[in-house]
Amino acid sequence: MRTEGADYINPDELAAALHAVAPNRTLGETQSAAWRMGVARIERAIDRLGQRFIERIFTEAEAGYCVGRPSAAVHFAGRFAAKESAMKALGTGWGDGCSWRDVEILPGVGPPRLEFHGIALDRFRELGASRAFVSISHTGGMAVAQTIIEGD
């Protein structure tokens, strides 16, 4: 996976490796999905749409966390990827009435914490799910997130 020096990870290879390990699928009582997002794409959206974009996609807590970080766009991209992966693991995508703000990625002690609201919470309950986990990573200009949803 490392192709151009010790600190370089090809984002396409990383996404393919994550997808090979846990593609969008149902495995008994576990569902998972991965998603990647270019940091430059989020930067352009923020530059073009400003606060309107941030308020449409992110909760107040998420925005406060990202804005308070040295490289806000990297953290916005990570949370965007995490929201996408969570919605895919739920089987809704951001359509079907599920809004971006129905999925919230909060800082936790250790890994980030995933919380569902509204239609996302309804879908989580319909699945009979009891736990959700999210992992976010970023390297260079790419953010990657993996969500795992488990039932009892």
N, C-alpha and C. Protein backbone atom coordinates (compact mmCIF):
# COMPACT_ATOMS: atom_id res chain seq x y z
N MET A 1 0.82 -1.18 0.00
CA MET A 1 0.00 0.00 0.00
C MET A 1 0.86 1.25 0.00
N ARG A 2 2.02 1.21 0.58
CA ARG A 2 2.91 2.37 0.57
C ARG A 2 3.69 2.34 -0.74
N THR A 3 3.56 3.42 -1.50
CA THR A 3 4.15 3.40 -2.82
C THR A 3 5.19 4.48 -3.07
N GLU A 4 5.09 5.61 -2.41
CA GLU A 4 6.00 6.73 -2.70
C GLU A 4 6.64 7.25 -1.43
N GLY A 5 7.30 6.42 -0.71
CA GLY A 5 7.94 6.87 0.52
C GLY A 5 7.19 6.40 1.74
N ALA A 6 7.84 6.43 2.86
CA ALA A 6 7.29 5.86 4.09
C ALA A 6 6.03 6.55 4.57
N ASP A 7 5.85 7.84 4.27
CA ASP A 7 4.70 8.56 4.80
C ASP A 7 3.54 8.69 3.81
N TYR A 8 3.66 8.10 2.63
CA TYR A 8 2.62 8.24 1.62
C TYR A 8 1.76 6.99 1.55
N ILE A 9 0.46 7.16 1.64
CA ILE A 9 -0.49 6.06 1.44
C ILE A 9 -1.39 6.48 0.29
N ASN A 10 -1.41 5.69 -0.76
CA ASN A 10 -2.26 5.98 -1.90
C ASN A 10 -3.72 5.89 -1.45
N PRO A 11 -4.49 6.99 -1.54
CA PRO A 11 -5.87 6.98 -1.04
C PRO A 11 -6.76 5.96 -1.74
N ASP A 12 -6.55 5.72 -3.04
CA ASP A 12 -7.36 4.73 -3.76
C ASP A 12 -7.09 3.33 -3.24
N GLU A 13 -5.82 3.03 -2.97
CA GLU A 13 -5.48 1.71 -2.42
C GLU A 13 -6.02 1.54 -1.01
N LEU A 14 -5.97 2.62 -0.21
CA LEU A 14 -6.50 2.56 1.15
C LEU A 14 -8.00 2.30 1.12
N ALA A 15 -8.72 3.02 0.27
CA ALA A 15 -10.17 2.82 0.18
C ALA A 15 -10.50 1.41 -0.30
N ALA A 16 -9.74 0.90 -1.28
CA ALA A 16 -9.98 -0.46 -1.77
C ALA A 16 -9.71 -1.49 -0.67
N ALA A 17 -8.67 -1.27 0.12
CA ALA A 17 -8.36 -2.20 1.20
C ALA A 17 -9.46 -2.19 2.26
N LEU A 18 -9.96 -0.99 2.62
CA LEU A 18 -11.06 -0.91 3.58
C LEU A 18 -12.31 -1.59 3.04
N HIS A 19 -12.59 -1.38 1.76
CA HIS A 19 -13.78 -1.97 1.15
C HIS A 19 -13.66 -3.49 1.11
N ALA A 20 -12.45 -4.01 0.87
CA ALA A 20 -12.25 -5.46 0.84
C ALA A 20 -12.49 -6.07 2.21
N VAL A 21 -12.12 -5.35 3.26
CA VAL A 21 -12.30 -5.85 4.62
C VAL A 21 -13.76 -5.76 5.04
N ALA A 22 -14.42 -4.64 4.73
CA ALA A 22 -15.80 -4.45 5.19
C ALA A 22 -16.61 -3.65 4.20
N PRO A 23 -16.97 -4.23 3.06
CA PRO A 23 -17.81 -3.50 2.11
C PRO A 23 -19.22 -3.32 2.66
N ASN A 24 -20.01 -2.51 1.97
CA ASN A 24 -21.40 -2.30 2.40
C ASN A 24 -22.12 -3.65 2.31
N ARG A 25 -22.49 -4.20 3.43
CA ARG A 25 -23.13 -5.51 3.44
C ARG A 25 -23.78 -5.76 4.78
N THR A 26 -24.56 -6.81 4.82
CA THR A 26 -25.13 -7.27 6.06
C THR A 26 -24.50 -8.62 6.38
N LEU A 27 -23.93 -8.75 7.55
CA LEU A 27 -23.33 -10.01 7.99
C LEU A 27 -24.01 -10.42 9.28
N GLY A 28 -25.03 -11.23 9.18
CA GLY A 28 -25.75 -11.63 10.38
C GLY A 28 -26.29 -10.40 11.08
N GLU A 29 -25.69 -10.04 12.19
CA GLU A 29 -26.16 -8.91 12.96
C GLU A 29 -25.21 -7.73 12.92
N THR A 30 -24.35 -7.68 11.92
CA THR A 30 -23.40 -6.57 11.79
C THR A 30 -23.51 -5.98 10.40
N GLN A 31 -23.54 -4.67 10.33
CA GLN A 31 -23.50 -3.96 9.05
C GLN A 31 -22.35 -2.98 9.10
N SER A 32 -21.69 -2.80 7.97
CA SER A 32 -20.57 -1.86 7.96
C SER A 32 -20.48 -1.17 6.61
N ALA A 33 -19.80 -0.05 6.61
CA ALA A 33 -19.57 0.70 5.38
C ALA A 33 -18.36 1.61 5.59
N ALA A 34 -17.69 1.89 4.49
CA ALA A 34 -16.55 2.81 4.52
C ALA A 34 -16.79 3.89 3.47
N TRP A 35 -16.20 5.05 3.69
CA TRP A 35 -16.34 6.17 2.75
C TRP A 35 -15.09 7.01 2.82
N ARG A 36 -14.75 7.66 1.73
CA ARG A 36 -13.61 8.59 1.73
C ARG A 36 -14.05 9.92 1.16
N MET A 37 -13.37 10.97 1.57
CA MET A 37 -13.71 12.33 1.14
C MET A 37 -12.44 13.12 0.96
N GLY A 38 -12.33 13.81 -0.16
CA GLY A 38 -11.19 14.69 -0.40
C GLY A 38 -11.30 15.96 0.42
N VAL A 39 -10.22 16.32 1.08
CA VAL A 39 -10.21 17.54 1.90
C VAL A 39 -10.43 18.77 1.03
N ALA A 40 -9.84 18.79 -0.16
CA ALA A 40 -9.98 19.95 -1.06
C ALA A 40 -11.45 20.17 -1.45
N ARG A 41 -12.20 19.10 -1.58
CA ARG A 41 -13.61 19.23 -1.95
C ARG A 41 -14.39 19.93 -0.82
N ILE A 42 -14.10 19.58 0.42
CA ILE A 42 -14.74 20.23 1.56
C ILE A 42 -14.29 21.69 1.65
N GLU A 43 -13.00 21.94 1.44
CA GLU A 43 -12.49 23.32 1.46
C GLU A 43 -13.22 24.18 0.44
N ARG A 44 -13.41 23.64 -0.78
CA ARG A 44 -14.11 24.40 -1.83
C ARG A 44 -15.56 24.68 -1.42
N ALA A 45 -16.22 23.69 -0.83
CA ALA A 45 -17.62 23.89 -0.41
C ALA A 45 -17.71 24.96 0.67
N ILE A 46 -16.78 24.94 1.61
CA ILE A 46 -16.78 25.96 2.67
C ILE A 46 -16.46 27.33 2.09
N ASP A 47 -15.49 27.40 1.17
CA ASP A 47 -15.14 28.68 0.54
C ASP A 47 -16.32 29.24 -0.25
N ARG A 48 -17.03 28.37 -0.96
CA ARG A 48 -18.12 28.81 -1.83
C ARG A 48 -19.39 29.13 -1.04
N LEU A 49 -19.74 28.28 -0.08
CA LEU A 49 -21.03 28.40 0.60
C LEU A 49 -20.93 28.88 2.05
N GLY A 50 -19.73 28.83 2.61
CA GLY A 50 -19.49 29.35 3.96
C GLY A 50 -20.32 28.69 5.04
N GLN A 51 -20.80 29.51 5.95
CA GLN A 51 -21.53 29.03 7.11
C GLN A 51 -22.79 28.26 6.73
N ARG A 52 -23.39 28.61 5.59
CA ARG A 52 -24.60 27.91 5.14
C ARG A 52 -24.32 26.42 4.92
N PHE A 53 -23.18 26.10 4.30
CA PHE A 53 -22.78 24.70 4.10
C PHE A 53 -22.56 24.01 5.45
N ILE A 54 -21.80 24.65 6.32
CA ILE A 54 -21.47 24.06 7.62
C ILE A 54 -22.75 23.77 8.40
N GLU A 55 -23.68 24.71 8.44
CA GLU A 55 -24.91 24.54 9.21
C GLU A 55 -25.84 23.50 8.59
N ARG A 56 -25.77 23.31 7.30
CA ARG A 56 -26.62 22.32 6.63
C ARG A 56 -26.14 20.89 6.90
N ILE A 57 -24.82 20.72 7.01
CA ILE A 57 -24.24 19.38 7.12
C ILE A 57 -23.92 18.99 8.56
N PHE A 58 -23.40 19.91 9.33
CA PHE A 58 -22.83 19.59 10.64
C PHE A 58 -23.67 20.18 11.77
N THR A 59 -23.70 19.46 12.90
CA THR A 59 -24.36 19.99 14.09
C THR A 59 -23.47 21.07 14.70
N GLU A 60 -24.04 21.81 15.63
CA GLU A 60 -23.27 22.85 16.31
C GLU A 60 -22.04 22.28 17.01
N ALA A 61 -22.22 21.12 17.65
CA ALA A 61 -21.10 20.48 18.36
C ALA A 61 -20.00 20.05 17.38
N GLU A 62 -20.39 19.49 16.24
CA GLU A 62 -19.40 19.06 15.24
C GLU A 62 -18.65 20.27 14.69
N ALA A 63 -19.39 21.31 14.34
CA ALA A 63 -18.75 22.51 13.78
C ALA A 63 -17.80 23.13 14.79
N GLY A 64 -18.23 23.20 16.05
CA GLY A 64 -17.37 23.76 17.09
C GLY A 64 -16.09 22.99 17.25
N TYR A 65 -16.17 21.66 17.19
CA TYR A 65 -14.98 20.82 17.29
C TYR A 65 -14.03 21.08 16.12
N CYS A 66 -14.57 21.09 14.91
CA CYS A 66 -13.74 21.24 13.71
C CYS A 66 -13.09 22.61 13.62
N VAL A 67 -13.88 23.66 13.88
CA VAL A 67 -13.37 25.03 13.80
C VAL A 67 -12.26 25.25 14.83
N GLY A 68 -12.34 24.56 15.95
CA GLY A 68 -11.34 24.71 16.99
C GLY A 68 -10.04 23.96 16.74
N ARG A 69 -9.97 23.21 15.64
CA ARG A 69 -8.78 22.43 15.32
C ARG A 69 -7.86 23.22 14.39
N PRO A 70 -6.55 22.93 14.41
CA PRO A 70 -5.61 23.66 13.55
C PRO A 70 -5.93 23.58 12.06
N SER A 71 -6.38 22.44 11.58
CA SER A 71 -6.73 22.28 10.17
C SER A 71 -8.20 21.89 10.07
N ALA A 72 -9.07 22.88 10.16
CA ALA A 72 -10.51 22.63 10.24
C ALA A 72 -11.02 21.79 9.07
N ALA A 73 -10.58 22.06 7.85
CA ALA A 73 -11.10 21.35 6.68
C ALA A 73 -10.83 19.85 6.76
N VAL A 74 -9.68 19.45 7.29
CA VAL A 74 -9.37 18.03 7.45
C VAL A 74 -10.39 17.37 8.37
N HIS A 75 -10.74 18.05 9.45
CA HIS A 75 -11.68 17.49 10.42
C HIS A 75 -13.12 17.52 9.90
N PHE A 76 -13.48 18.56 9.15
CA PHE A 76 -14.79 18.57 8.50
C PHE A 76 -14.87 17.41 7.50
N ALA A 77 -13.82 17.18 6.72
CA ALA A 77 -13.81 16.09 5.75
C ALA A 77 -13.94 14.74 6.43
N GLY A 78 -13.25 14.56 7.55
CA GLY A 78 -13.36 13.30 8.29
C GLY A 78 -14.76 13.06 8.80
N ARG A 79 -15.39 14.09 9.33
CA ARG A 79 -16.75 13.94 9.82
C ARG A 79 -17.75 13.75 8.68
N PHE A 80 -17.51 14.40 7.55
CA PHE A 80 -18.36 14.18 6.39
C PHE A 80 -18.28 12.72 5.94
N ALA A 81 -17.05 12.19 5.84
CA ALA A 81 -16.87 10.79 5.45
C ALA A 81 -17.54 9.86 6.45
N ALA A 82 -17.43 10.19 7.74
CA ALA A 82 -18.05 9.36 8.78
C ALA A 82 -19.57 9.37 8.66
N LYS A 83 -20.15 10.54 8.38
CA LYS A 83 -21.60 10.63 8.21
C LYS A 83 -22.04 9.78 7.02
N GLU A 84 -21.31 9.88 5.90
CA GLU A 84 -21.63 9.07 4.71
C GLU A 84 -21.55 7.59 5.03
N SER A 85 -20.47 7.17 5.69
CA SER A 85 -20.33 5.73 5.98
C SER A 85 -21.42 5.26 6.94
N ALA A 86 -21.80 6.09 7.90
CA ALA A 86 -22.86 5.71 8.83
C ALA A 86 -24.20 5.56 8.11
N MET A 87 -24.52 6.50 7.23
CA MET A 87 -25.79 6.42 6.50
C MET A 87 -25.82 5.20 5.59
N LYS A 88 -24.68 4.88 5.00
CA LYS A 88 -24.61 3.68 4.15
C LYS A 88 -24.75 2.41 4.99
N ALA A 89 -24.13 2.38 6.16
CA ALA A 89 -24.26 1.22 7.04
C ALA A 89 -25.72 1.05 7.50
N LEU A 90 -26.42 2.17 7.68
CA LEU A 90 -27.84 2.12 8.04
C LEU A 90 -28.70 1.67 6.86
N GLY A 91 -28.16 1.79 5.65
CA GLY A 91 -28.91 1.42 4.46
C GLY A 91 -29.78 2.54 3.93
N THR A 92 -29.54 3.78 4.38
CA THR A 92 -30.39 4.90 3.94
C THR A 92 -29.70 5.80 2.94
N GLY A 93 -28.38 5.95 3.01
CA GLY A 93 -27.76 7.04 2.27
C GLY A 93 -28.33 8.33 2.82
N TRP A 94 -28.01 9.47 2.21
CA TRP A 94 -28.54 10.72 2.77
C TRP A 94 -29.89 11.06 2.18
N GLY A 95 -30.41 10.19 1.36
CA GLY A 95 -31.78 10.37 0.87
C GLY A 95 -32.73 9.68 1.83
N ASP A 96 -33.86 9.28 1.33
CA ASP A 96 -34.86 8.56 2.13
C ASP A 96 -35.22 9.29 3.42
N GLY A 97 -35.16 10.62 3.40
CA GLY A 97 -35.56 11.41 4.55
C GLY A 97 -34.50 11.59 5.61
N CYS A 98 -33.39 10.88 5.50
CA CYS A 98 -32.32 10.99 6.50
C CYS A 98 -31.49 12.23 6.17
N SER A 99 -31.36 13.12 7.13
CA SER A 99 -30.59 14.35 6.88
C SER A 99 -29.18 14.21 7.43
N TRP A 100 -28.31 15.06 6.95
CA TRP A 100 -26.91 15.05 7.39
C TRP A 100 -26.81 15.22 8.90
N ARG A 101 -27.67 16.03 9.45
CA ARG A 101 -27.60 16.33 10.88
C ARG A 101 -28.25 15.24 11.74
N ASP A 102 -28.88 14.24 11.10
CA ASP A 102 -29.41 13.10 11.84
C ASP A 102 -28.30 12.16 12.30
N VAL A 103 -27.13 12.31 11.72
CA VAL A 103 -25.95 11.53 12.11
C VAL A 103 -24.94 12.50 12.68
N GLU A 104 -24.53 12.27 13.91
CA GLU A 104 -23.62 13.20 14.59
C GLU A 104 -22.36 12.47 15.03
N ILE A 105 -21.22 13.06 14.73
CA ILE A 105 -19.93 12.50 15.10
C ILE A 105 -19.32 13.40 16.16
N LEU A 106 -19.23 12.89 17.38
CA LEU A 106 -18.76 13.68 18.50
C LEU A 106 -17.42 13.16 19.00
N PRO A 107 -16.61 14.04 19.56
CA PRO A 107 -15.34 13.56 20.13
C PRO A 107 -15.65 12.66 21.32
N GLY A 108 -14.86 11.64 21.47
CA GLY A 108 -15.04 10.73 22.59
C GLY A 108 -13.72 10.56 23.32
N VAL A 109 -13.76 9.80 24.38
CA VAL A 109 -12.52 9.43 25.05
C VAL A 109 -11.99 8.25 24.24
N GLY A 110 -10.95 8.50 23.45
CA GLY A 110 -10.48 7.50 22.50
C GLY A 110 -11.12 7.77 21.14
N PRO A 111 -11.81 6.77 20.57
CA PRO A 111 -12.40 6.98 19.23
C PRO A 111 -13.58 7.94 19.28
N PRO A 112 -13.93 8.51 18.12
CA PRO A 112 -15.10 9.39 18.09
C PRO A 112 -16.37 8.61 18.44
N ARG A 113 -17.37 9.33 18.87
CA ARG A 113 -18.65 8.74 19.26
C ARG A 113 -19.68 9.05 18.17
N LEU A 114 -20.48 8.07 17.82
CA LEU A 114 -21.50 8.20 16.79
C LEU A 114 -22.87 8.25 17.45
N GLU A 115 -23.65 9.29 17.14
CA GLU A 115 -25.00 9.41 17.68
C GLU A 115 -25.98 9.60 16.52
N PHE A 116 -27.13 8.94 16.64
CA PHE A 116 -28.18 9.04 15.63
C PHE A 116 -29.35 9.82 16.19
N HIS A 117 -30.01 10.59 15.32
CA HIS A 117 -31.20 11.37 15.67
C HIS A 117 -32.22 11.20 14.55
N GLY A 118 -33.45 11.52 14.81
CA GLY A 118 -34.48 11.55 13.77
C GLY A 118 -34.61 10.24 13.01
N ILE A 119 -34.64 10.35 11.69
CA ILE A 119 -34.84 9.18 10.83
C ILE A 119 -33.67 8.20 10.95
N ALA A 120 -32.46 8.69 11.16
CA ALA A 120 -31.32 7.79 11.34
C ALA A 120 -31.51 6.94 12.60
N LEU A 121 -32.00 7.54 13.66
CA LEU A 121 -32.25 6.79 14.90
C LEU A 121 -33.38 5.78 14.68
N ASP A 122 -34.42 6.18 13.96
CA ASP A 122 -35.51 5.25 13.64
C ASP A 122 -34.98 4.03 12.89
N ARG A 123 -34.13 4.28 11.89
CA ARG A 123 -33.56 3.18 11.09
C ARG A 123 -32.66 2.29 11.95
N PHE A 124 -31.85 2.90 12.82
CA PHE A 124 -30.98 2.15 13.74
C PHE A 124 -31.82 1.19 14.57
N ARG A 125 -32.95 1.68 15.08
CA ARG A 125 -33.84 0.84 15.89
C ARG A 125 -34.52 -0.24 15.05
N GLU A 126 -34.94 0.11 13.81
CA GLU A 126 -35.57 -0.88 12.91
C GLU A 126 -34.63 -2.04 12.64
N LEU A 127 -33.35 -1.76 12.54
CA LEU A 127 -32.36 -2.81 12.29
C LEU A 127 -32.16 -3.70 13.52
N GLY A 128 -32.67 -3.28 14.65
CA GLY A 128 -32.43 -4.01 15.88
C GLY A 128 -31.01 -3.81 16.38
N ALA A 129 -30.41 -2.69 15.99
CA ALA A 129 -29.03 -2.41 16.36
C ALA A 129 -28.94 -1.95 17.81
N SER A 130 -27.80 -2.22 18.40
CA SER A 130 -27.59 -1.80 19.79
C SER A 130 -26.30 -1.01 19.97
N ARG A 131 -25.38 -1.14 19.02
CA ARG A 131 -24.09 -0.44 19.12
C ARG A 131 -23.67 0.06 17.74
N ALA A 132 -22.97 1.20 17.75
CA ALA A 132 -22.41 1.73 16.51
C ALA A 132 -21.01 2.26 16.81
N PHE A 133 -20.10 1.98 15.92
CA PHE A 133 -18.71 2.39 16.07
C PHE A 133 -18.27 3.12 14.81
N VAL A 134 -17.45 4.13 14.98
CA VAL A 134 -16.91 4.84 13.82
C VAL A 134 -15.43 5.10 14.04
N SER A 135 -14.68 4.99 12.96
CA SER A 135 -13.26 5.29 12.97
C SER A 135 -12.98 6.25 11.83
N ILE A 136 -12.19 7.28 12.11
CA ILE A 136 -11.86 8.29 11.11
C ILE A 136 -10.35 8.39 11.01
N SER A 137 -9.85 8.48 9.78
CA SER A 137 -8.43 8.68 9.57
C SER A 137 -8.25 9.65 8.42
N HIS A 138 -7.17 10.40 8.44
CA HIS A 138 -6.87 11.27 7.31
C HIS A 138 -5.38 11.25 7.05
N THR A 139 -5.06 11.33 5.76
CA THR A 139 -3.67 11.36 5.33
C THR A 139 -3.59 12.26 4.11
N GLY A 140 -2.67 13.18 4.11
CA GLY A 140 -2.56 14.08 2.97
C GLY A 140 -3.87 14.79 2.72
N GLY A 141 -4.40 14.64 1.54
CA GLY A 141 -5.62 15.34 1.16
C GLY A 141 -6.87 14.48 1.22
N MET A 142 -6.83 13.37 1.94
CA MET A 142 -7.97 12.45 1.96
C MET A 142 -8.36 12.07 3.38
N ALA A 143 -9.66 12.00 3.63
CA ALA A 143 -10.18 11.50 4.90
C ALA A 143 -10.96 10.22 4.61
N VAL A 144 -10.83 9.24 5.49
CA VAL A 144 -11.50 7.96 5.34
C VAL A 144 -12.21 7.63 6.65
N ALA A 145 -13.41 7.07 6.55
CA ALA A 145 -14.14 6.68 7.74
C ALA A 145 -14.75 5.29 7.55
N GLN A 146 -14.85 4.57 8.64
CA GLN A 146 -15.46 3.24 8.66
C GLN A 146 -16.49 3.23 9.78
N THR A 147 -17.69 2.75 9.47
CA THR A 147 -18.74 2.61 10.48
C THR A 147 -19.14 1.15 10.58
N ILE A 148 -19.31 0.68 11.81
CA ILE A 148 -19.80 -0.67 12.06
C ILE A 148 -21.01 -0.54 12.98
N ILE A 149 -22.10 -1.18 12.59
CA ILE A 149 -23.32 -1.19 13.37
C ILE A 149 -23.59 -2.64 13.76
N GLU A 150 -23.81 -2.89 15.05
CA GLU A 150 -24.03 -4.25 15.55
C GLU A 150 -25.37 -4.35 16.25
N GLY A 151 -25.93 -5.54 16.17
CA GLY A 151 -27.14 -5.86 16.92
C GLY A 151 -26.81 -6.81 18.04
N ASP A 152 -27.82 -7.13 18.83
CA ASP A 152 -27.60 -8.07 19.95
C ASP A 152 -27.58 -9.50 19.46
